[in-house]
Protein backbone atom coordinates (compact mmCIF):
# COMPACT_ATOMS: atom_id res chain seq x y z
CA MET A 1 -3.23 -7.80 19.00
CA THR A 2 -0.57 -5.22 19.52
CA SER A 3 0.45 -2.81 16.74
CA ALA A 4 3.77 -4.53 16.42
CA GLU A 5 2.07 -7.85 15.95
CA ASN A 6 -0.21 -6.38 13.32
CA GLU A 7 2.67 -4.99 11.49
CA ALA A 8 4.54 -8.27 11.54
CA LYS A 9 1.45 -9.98 10.34
CA LEU A 10 1.08 -7.55 7.62
CA LEU A 11 4.65 -8.02 6.45
CA SER A 12 4.35 -11.75 6.38
CA ASP A 13 1.00 -11.87 4.85
CA PRO A 14 -0.07 -8.58 3.32
CA MET A 15 -3.34 -9.94 2.04
CA SER A 16 -4.61 -11.21 5.36
CA GLY A 17 -7.84 -9.51 6.21
CA MET A 18 -8.21 -7.76 2.89
CA ASP A 19 -11.01 -8.42 0.50
CA ASP A 20 -11.26 -7.52 -3.08
CA THR A 21 -13.50 -4.58 -2.44
CA SER A 22 -11.15 -2.97 0.35
CA LEU A 23 -8.11 -3.59 -2.02
CA GLY A 24 -9.87 -1.96 -4.95
CA GLU A 25 -10.94 0.99 -2.97
CA ALA A 26 -7.43 1.62 -1.74
CA VAL A 27 -6.15 1.36 -5.30
CA ARG A 28 -8.93 3.96 -6.34
CA GLN A 29 -8.20 6.37 -3.44
CA ALA A 30 -4.33 6.19 -4.28
CA ARG A 31 -4.95 6.86 -7.95
CA LYS A 32 -7.37 9.72 -7.44
CA GLY A 33 -5.11 11.07 -4.74
CA ARG A 34 -2.45 11.33 -7.24
CA GLY A 35 -4.86 12.96 -9.87
CA LEU A 36 -4.27 10.11 -12.38
CA SER A 37 -7.03 8.84 -14.77
CA LEU A 38 -7.97 5.20 -15.17
CA GLN A 39 -6.66 5.42 -18.67
CA ILE A 40 -3.22 6.69 -17.66
CA VAL A 41 -2.69 4.05 -14.98
CA ALA A 42 -4.05 1.28 -17.16
CA GLU A 43 -1.75 2.29 -20.10
CA GLY A 44 1.20 2.40 -17.74
CA VAL A 45 0.54 -1.04 -16.39
CA GLY A 46 -0.39 -2.66 -19.75
CA ILE A 47 -3.98 -3.57 -18.90
CA SER A 48 -7.35 -2.38 -20.11
CA THR A 49 -9.15 0.47 -18.40
CA GLY A 50 -12.04 -2.05 -17.99
CA LEU A 51 -9.89 -4.35 -15.87
CA LEU A 52 -8.50 -1.53 -13.84
CA SER A 53 -12.08 -0.44 -13.25
CA GLN A 54 -13.14 -3.88 -12.20
CA ILE A 55 -10.16 -4.07 -9.82
CA GLU A 56 -11.10 -0.76 -8.22
CA ARG A 57 -14.73 -1.99 -7.88
CA GLY A 58 -13.68 -5.32 -6.28
CA ILE A 59 -15.11 -7.28 -9.21
CA SER A 60 -11.68 -8.67 -10.34
CA SER A 61 -8.79 -9.77 -8.32
CA PRO A 62 -5.41 -8.36 -9.55
CA SER A 63 -2.42 -10.47 -9.98
CA ILE A 64 0.60 -9.55 -7.72
CA ARG A 65 2.48 -8.47 -10.86
CA ASN A 66 -0.36 -6.29 -11.87
CA LEU A 67 -0.73 -4.90 -8.44
CA ARG A 68 2.86 -4.03 -8.07
CA ALA A 69 2.77 -2.53 -11.43
CA ILE A 70 -0.20 -0.40 -10.53
CA CYS A 71 1.58 0.80 -7.32
CA GLU A 72 4.68 1.66 -9.45
CA VAL A 73 2.66 3.76 -11.96
CA ILE A 74 0.76 5.53 -9.27
CA GLY A 75 3.87 6.07 -7.26
CA ILE A 76 3.09 4.38 -3.90
CA PRO A 77 4.78 1.60 -1.97
CA PHE A 78 3.10 -1.79 -2.60
CA LEU A 79 2.41 -2.36 1.12
CA SER A 80 0.73 0.99 1.64
CA LEU A 81 -2.38 -0.41 0.05
CA PHE A 82 -2.69 -2.93 2.96
CA ALA A 83 -2.04 -0.53 5.77
CA ASP A 84 -4.70 -0.28 8.33
CA ALA A 85 -6.02 3.03 9.62
CA ASP A 86 -4.05 2.82 12.76
CA SER A 87 -0.62 2.28 11.11
CA ALA A 88 -1.41 4.93 8.41
CA ASP A 89 -1.46 7.73 11.08
CA ARG A 90 2.03 6.92 12.44
CA GLU A 91 5.53 6.29 11.21
CA THR A 92 6.70 2.80 12.09
CA GLY A 93 9.86 0.81 11.40
CA ILE A 94 11.97 3.73 10.25
CA ILE A 95 15.67 3.30 11.38
CA VAL A 96 18.27 6.07 10.93
CA ARG A 97 21.80 5.34 11.23
CA GLU A 98 23.75 7.40 13.71
CA GLY A 99 24.72 10.77 12.44
CA ARG A 100 22.39 10.48 9.33
CA GLY A 101 19.27 12.41 9.89
CA VAL A 102 16.45 12.68 12.63
CA PRO A 103 17.28 10.40 15.63
CA SER A 104 15.08 7.35 15.81
CA THR A 105 12.75 6.89 18.66
CA LEU A 106 13.75 3.28 18.89
CA ALA A 107 17.38 4.32 19.65
CA THR A 108 16.15 6.26 22.55
CA ARG A 109 13.68 3.75 24.05
CA ALA A 110 14.65 1.93 27.24
CA TRP A 111 14.33 -1.84 26.85
């Protein structure tokens, strides 16, 4: 499967290939990467620290609403939790209008 196909699948079904443990680990890494405690994030989301800990350990599955709220409190895009290692190392899908910033590689690609 090409990287474009992987990205299309991710956008159409972000949970594909993701188990609760992997998702929880992604949440934990994002939270710790921002230097946030379990308590701060849990309070911001409106859930208990115990539930957030269970989500991070893969014991509980978060609702989409809670997962979006977790991302908002942490300050990360929702889909970044589901990005695979290949796509995390490169910028994809960025389009810049002509005259507004860095030229897009898509604009210069010969089709």
